[in-house]
Amino acid sequence: MKIYSWNVNGIRALQKKGFLDWLNTTQPDILGVQETKASPDQLEDALKAPPGYKSYWAVSTVKKGYSGVALYTKVEPQNVQIGLGIEEYDQEGRTIIADFDDFTFITAYFPNGSRDNSRVPFKLAYYQAFLDYCNRRLAEGRQIIFCGDLNTAHQEIDLANPKQNVKTTGFMPEEREWLTKYVDAGYKDIFRVLNPTLEGAYNWWSNRSGARERNVGWRIDYFFISPDLQDKVVTAAIHPDVMGSDHCPISLTLK
């Protein structure tokens, strides 16, 4: 089973850059998409219902062209929940939860702390609510896979310039601490588990000053899995050669 996650930074813009060709060629079984910046009524049928896929959408109701996540899947879920059930987060279209036979899959777009750090408290509160939800499902006996743009680089190895960014949202100690809490709760950052010392493995680059060409990037997109799924993992990969967004896709392949 091939599972992909991609912050597309505007799905209508990415459609013009070949998103559907990529989808048709790559053929993920499940794809979580973040930062769609669109609602289904703004999209062509080709984008809402590509051949072989069902799609589900979480939309921002507070601001048009903002946030939003989507789920494309070949396998029909048993159940799909839009949002965590908490209005202040759900109105921004940040979370889709799908129950499949073998696991619960969550695609999420975690808040950005904003340049002036004014939204860091909101971001950290979402981290708490998200972890609480995952822990409840884990306690019910569900296996968990969650993915998306967590908007934080966890360790110094996860960004090109850690020393310069300790006061920048996305690498502040209080943000990084939350990813440590996820790991301490048992969830596996599976790419880093499989590649513990790999440097230069980034999936987001600033659009300014040729950062992507020079690989001055950050790893802020993740797959986390519950520990009981680790023995089913074949590969976890980053795909920096796939263009079209300021993020690149990441993937998880399971037996």
Protein backbone atom coordinates (compact mmCIF):
# COMPACT_ATOMS: atom_id res chain seq x y z
CA MET A 1 0.00 0.00 0.00
CA LYS A 2 1.38 3.36 -1.08
CA ILE A 3 0.37 6.36 1.03
CA TYR A 4 1.40 9.90 0.12
CA SER A 5 1.12 13.30 1.79
CA TRP A 6 1.63 16.65 0.08
CA ASN A 7 1.15 20.28 1.06
CA VAL A 8 0.14 21.55 -2.37
CA ASN A 9 -0.03 25.28 -1.47
CA GLY A 10 -3.19 25.76 -3.55
CA ILE A 11 -4.67 22.78 -5.37
CA ARG A 12 -6.08 24.82 -8.24
CA ALA A 13 -2.66 26.32 -8.89
CA LEU A 14 -1.07 22.88 -8.72
CA GLN A 15 -3.62 21.49 -11.17
CA LYS A 16 -2.20 23.88 -13.75
CA LYS A 17 1.28 22.54 -12.97
CA GLY A 18 0.42 18.89 -13.58
CA PHE A 19 -1.05 17.58 -10.32
CA LEU A 20 -3.44 15.18 -12.06
CA ASP A 21 -0.65 13.83 -14.29
CA TRP A 22 1.43 13.20 -11.17
CA LEU A 23 -1.52 11.49 -9.46
CA ASN A 24 -2.17 9.30 -12.51
CA THR A 25 1.49 8.32 -12.79
CA THR A 26 2.16 7.78 -9.07
CA GLN A 27 -1.16 6.08 -8.24
CA PRO A 28 -1.07 6.34 -4.44
CA ASP A 29 -3.63 4.17 -2.70
CA ILE A 30 -4.22 6.99 -0.21
CA LEU A 31 -3.20 10.63 -0.58
CA GLY A 32 -3.52 13.29 2.10
CA VAL A 33 -3.36 16.84 0.74
CA GLN A 34 -2.87 19.98 2.80
CA GLU A 35 -3.34 23.70 2.15
CA THR A 36 -5.83 23.14 -0.67
CA LYS A 37 -7.05 26.77 -0.42
CA ALA A 38 -10.31 25.77 -2.11
CA SER A 39 -13.74 24.28 -1.54
CA PRO A 40 -15.14 21.48 -3.76
CA ASP A 41 -17.65 23.83 -5.45
CA GLN A 42 -14.69 25.78 -6.87
CA LEU A 43 -13.10 22.71 -8.45
CA GLU A 44 -13.48 20.91 -11.74
CA ASP A 45 -14.86 17.37 -11.66
CA ALA A 46 -11.46 16.08 -12.80
CA LEU A 47 -9.97 17.35 -9.56
CA LYS A 48 -12.83 16.27 -7.30
CA ALA A 49 -13.19 12.77 -8.78
CA PRO A 50 -10.08 11.53 -10.58
CA PRO A 51 -10.57 8.05 -12.09
CA GLY A 52 -10.43 5.38 -9.40
CA TYR A 53 -10.54 7.79 -6.44
CA LYS A 54 -13.02 9.03 -3.89
CA SER A 55 -12.26 12.42 -2.39
CA TYR A 56 -13.18 14.13 0.87
CA TRP A 57 -12.67 17.80 1.73
CA ALA A 58 -12.29 19.96 4.84
CA VAL A 59 -12.76 23.63 4.06
CA SER A 60 -12.05 26.86 5.90
CA THR A 61 -15.30 28.65 6.68
CA VAL A 62 -13.60 31.68 8.24
CA LYS A 63 -11.61 32.81 5.23
CA LYS A 64 -11.78 31.86 1.54
CA GLY A 65 -8.63 30.61 -0.14
CA TYR A 66 -7.11 29.64 3.20
CA SER A 67 -5.97 26.36 4.76
CA GLY A 68 -8.05 23.29 3.81
CA VAL A 69 -7.20 19.61 3.54
CA ALA A 70 -8.34 16.79 1.28
CA LEU A 71 -8.21 13.02 1.16
CA TYR A 72 -8.01 11.00 -2.05
CA THR A 73 -8.41 7.26 -1.64
CA LYS A 74 -8.83 4.20 -3.84
CA VAL A 75 -10.03 2.19 -0.84
CA GLU A 76 -13.39 3.30 0.47
CA PRO A 77 -13.14 4.14 4.18
CA GLN A 78 -15.51 2.65 6.72
CA ASN A 79 -16.06 6.13 8.12
CA VAL A 80 -14.83 9.66 7.45
CA GLN A 81 -14.89 12.47 10.00
CA ILE A 82 -14.25 16.05 8.93
CA GLY A 83 -12.49 17.83 11.78
CA LEU A 84 -11.55 16.99 15.35
CA GLY A 85 -14.97 18.00 16.65
CA ILE A 86 -13.60 21.29 18.03
CA GLU A 87 -15.06 24.31 16.27
CA GLU A 88 -12.13 26.73 16.65
CA TYR A 89 -9.90 24.34 14.69
CA ASP A 90 -12.50 22.76 12.43
CA GLN A 91 -13.67 26.11 11.05
CA GLU A 92 -10.20 26.47 9.51
CA GLY A 93 -10.45 23.14 7.66
CA ARG A 94 -7.42 21.47 9.19
CA THR A 95 -8.23 17.81 9.74
CA ILE A 96 -9.74 14.76 8.00
CA ILE A 97 -9.95 11.40 9.79
CA ALA A 98 -10.69 8.18 7.90
CA ASP A 99 -11.17 4.73 9.40
CA PHE A 100 -9.99 1.87 7.19
CA ASP A 101 -10.06 -1.84 8.05
CA ASP A 102 -6.51 -1.95 9.37
CA PHE A 103 -5.85 1.58 10.64
CA THR A 104 -7.16 5.08 11.20
CA PHE A 105 -5.63 7.61 8.80
CA ILE A 106 -5.47 11.33 9.56
CA THR A 107 -4.34 14.08 7.22
CA ALA A 108 -3.80 17.43 8.91
CA TYR A 109 -2.55 20.94 8.27
CA PHE A 110 -1.17 22.15 11.59
CA PRO A 111 -1.34 25.91 12.20
CA ASN A 112 1.53 28.23 11.35
CA GLY A 113 2.68 30.38 14.25
CA SER A 114 2.74 33.44 11.92
CA ARG A 115 5.71 35.73 11.37
CA ASP A 116 5.10 37.73 14.54
CA ASN A 117 4.56 34.48 16.51
CA SER A 118 1.05 35.66 17.43
CA ARG A 119 -0.53 32.31 16.55
CA VAL A 120 1.96 30.12 18.40
CA PRO A 121 -0.46 29.61 21.35
CA PHE A 122 -3.22 28.57 18.92
CA LYS A 123 -0.78 26.22 17.19
CA LEU A 124 0.28 24.59 20.45
CA ALA A 125 -3.35 24.19 21.54
CA TYR A 126 -4.06 22.37 18.26
CA TYR A 127 -1.07 20.08 18.93
CA GLN A 128 -2.65 19.21 22.29
CA ALA A 129 -6.12 18.60 20.88
CA PHE A 130 -4.71 16.50 18.05
CA LEU A 131 -2.62 14.34 20.41
CA ASP A 132 -5.61 13.89 22.72
CA TYR A 133 -7.70 12.67 19.79
CA CYS A 134 -5.03 10.22 18.59
CA ASN A 135 -4.57 8.87 22.10
CA ARG A 136 -8.31 8.26 22.46
CA ARG A 137 -8.39 6.28 19.23
CA LEU A 138 -5.27 4.35 20.24
CA ALA A 139 -6.94 3.47 23.55
CA GLU A 140 -9.86 2.06 21.54
CA GLY A 141 -7.45 -0.38 19.92
CA ARG A 142 -7.00 1.47 16.61
CA GLN A 143 -3.70 1.61 14.76
CA ILE A 144 -2.90 5.19 13.76
CA ILE A 145 -1.22 6.82 10.77
CA PHE A 146 -1.19 10.60 10.73
CA CYS A 147 0.53 12.78 8.20
CA GLY A 148 0.72 16.30 6.94
CA ASP A 149 2.37 19.63 7.42
CA LEU A 150 3.14 19.85 11.15
CA ASN A 151 4.81 23.23 10.56
CA THR A 152 7.71 22.42 12.91
CA ALA A 153 11.18 21.00 12.34
CA HIS A 154 11.83 18.67 15.25
CA GLN A 155 15.63 18.49 15.57
CA GLU A 156 18.60 20.47 14.29
CA ILE A 157 19.12 17.82 11.61
CA ASP A 158 15.69 18.73 10.22
CA LEU A 159 16.59 22.17 8.86
CA ALA A 160 19.53 23.75 7.10
CA ASN A 161 20.08 26.67 9.48
CA PRO A 162 19.04 25.68 13.01
CA LYS A 163 21.10 28.24 14.93
CA GLN A 164 19.59 31.18 13.05
CA ASN A 165 16.01 29.96 13.55
CA VAL A 166 15.65 29.25 17.27
CA LYS A 167 13.36 32.27 17.65
CA THR A 168 11.50 31.64 14.40
CA THR A 169 8.15 29.88 14.47
CA GLY A 170 8.65 26.37 13.21
CA PHE A 171 11.77 25.82 15.29
CA MET A 172 11.03 27.46 18.61
CA PRO A 173 11.74 25.27 21.67
CA GLU A 174 8.09 25.17 22.75
CA GLU A 175 7.03 23.97 19.27
CA ARG A 176 9.75 21.35 19.04
CA GLU A 177 8.81 20.11 22.50
CA TRP A 178 5.41 19.12 21.17
CA LEU A 179 6.92 16.82 18.57
CA THR A 180 8.97 15.28 21.36
CA LYS A 181 5.70 14.73 23.26
CA TYR A 182 4.30 12.87 20.24
CA VAL A 183 7.40 10.65 20.15
CA ASP A 184 7.27 10.13 23.91
CA ALA A 185 3.63 9.07 23.56
CA GLY A 186 4.85 6.24 21.31
CA TYR A 187 4.20 7.63 17.82
CA LYS A 188 7.03 7.00 15.38
CA ASP A 189 8.36 9.71 13.06
CA ILE A 190 8.96 6.88 10.66
CA PHE A 191 11.21 8.67 8.17
CA ARG A 192 13.62 9.62 10.96
CA VAL A 193 13.38 6.18 12.57
CA LEU A 194 14.55 4.67 9.27
CA ASN A 195 17.06 7.45 8.50
CA PRO A 196 18.38 8.54 11.91
CA THR A 197 21.48 10.40 10.68
CA LEU A 198 20.47 11.47 7.17
CA GLU A 199 21.19 15.17 6.68
CA GLY A 200 19.77 17.46 4.00
CA ALA A 201 16.44 15.60 3.92
CA TYR A 202 13.97 18.47 3.61
CA ASN A 203 10.45 18.81 2.23
CA TRP A 204 9.82 22.58 2.37
CA TRP A 205 11.88 25.44 0.95
CA SER A 206 11.28 29.18 0.97
CA ASN A 207 10.34 30.62 -2.41
CA ARG A 208 12.96 33.30 -1.88
CA SER A 209 16.61 33.44 -2.95
CA GLY A 210 16.89 30.07 -4.67
CA ALA A 211 16.52 28.13 -1.43
CA ARG A 212 15.29 24.96 -3.12
CA GLU A 213 18.07 24.92 -5.68
CA ARG A 214 20.60 25.22 -2.85
CA ASN A 215 18.61 22.81 -0.64
CA VAL A 216 18.31 25.35 2.17
CA GLY A 217 15.18 23.73 3.51
CA TRP A 218 13.20 22.38 6.43
CA ARG A 219 11.59 19.00 7.16
CA ILE A 220 8.16 19.98 8.44
CA ASP A 221 5.98 17.35 6.68
CA TYR A 222 5.77 13.99 8.44
CA PHE A 223 4.31 10.54 8.66
CA PHE A 224 3.80 9.42 12.25
CA ILE A 225 2.60 5.88 12.96
CA SER A 226 1.58 3.98 16.06
CA PRO A 227 4.31 1.53 17.12
CA ASP A 228 2.32 -1.59 16.21
CA LEU A 229 2.54 -0.62 12.52
CA GLN A 230 6.32 -0.31 12.34
CA ASP A 231 6.94 -3.91 11.27
CA LYS A 232 4.65 -3.34 8.28
CA VAL A 233 6.69 -0.41 6.93
CA VAL A 234 8.63 -1.05 3.72
CA THR A 235 9.87 2.48 3.02
CA ALA A 236 9.36 6.09 4.07
CA ALA A 237 10.59 8.61 1.52
CA ILE A 238 10.81 12.27 0.56
CA HIS A 239 10.40 13.23 -3.12
CA PRO A 240 12.21 16.56 -3.66
CA ASP A 241 12.27 16.10 -7.44
CA VAL A 242 8.45 16.59 -7.61
CA MET A 243 7.83 20.25 -8.29
CA GLY A 244 4.75 22.48 -8.23
CA SER A 245 4.57 23.57 -4.58
CA ASP A 246 7.00 25.01 -2.06
CA HIS A 247 6.65 21.58 -0.38
CA CYS A 248 7.37 18.23 -2.01
CA PRO A 249 5.43 15.01 -1.48
CA ILE A 250 6.41 12.44 1.14
CA SER A 251 5.44 8.77 1.08
CA LEU A 252 4.98 5.70 3.24
CA THR A 253 4.83 2.19 1.79
CA LEU A 254 3.31 -0.61 3.87
CA LYS A 255 3.25 -4.37 3.41
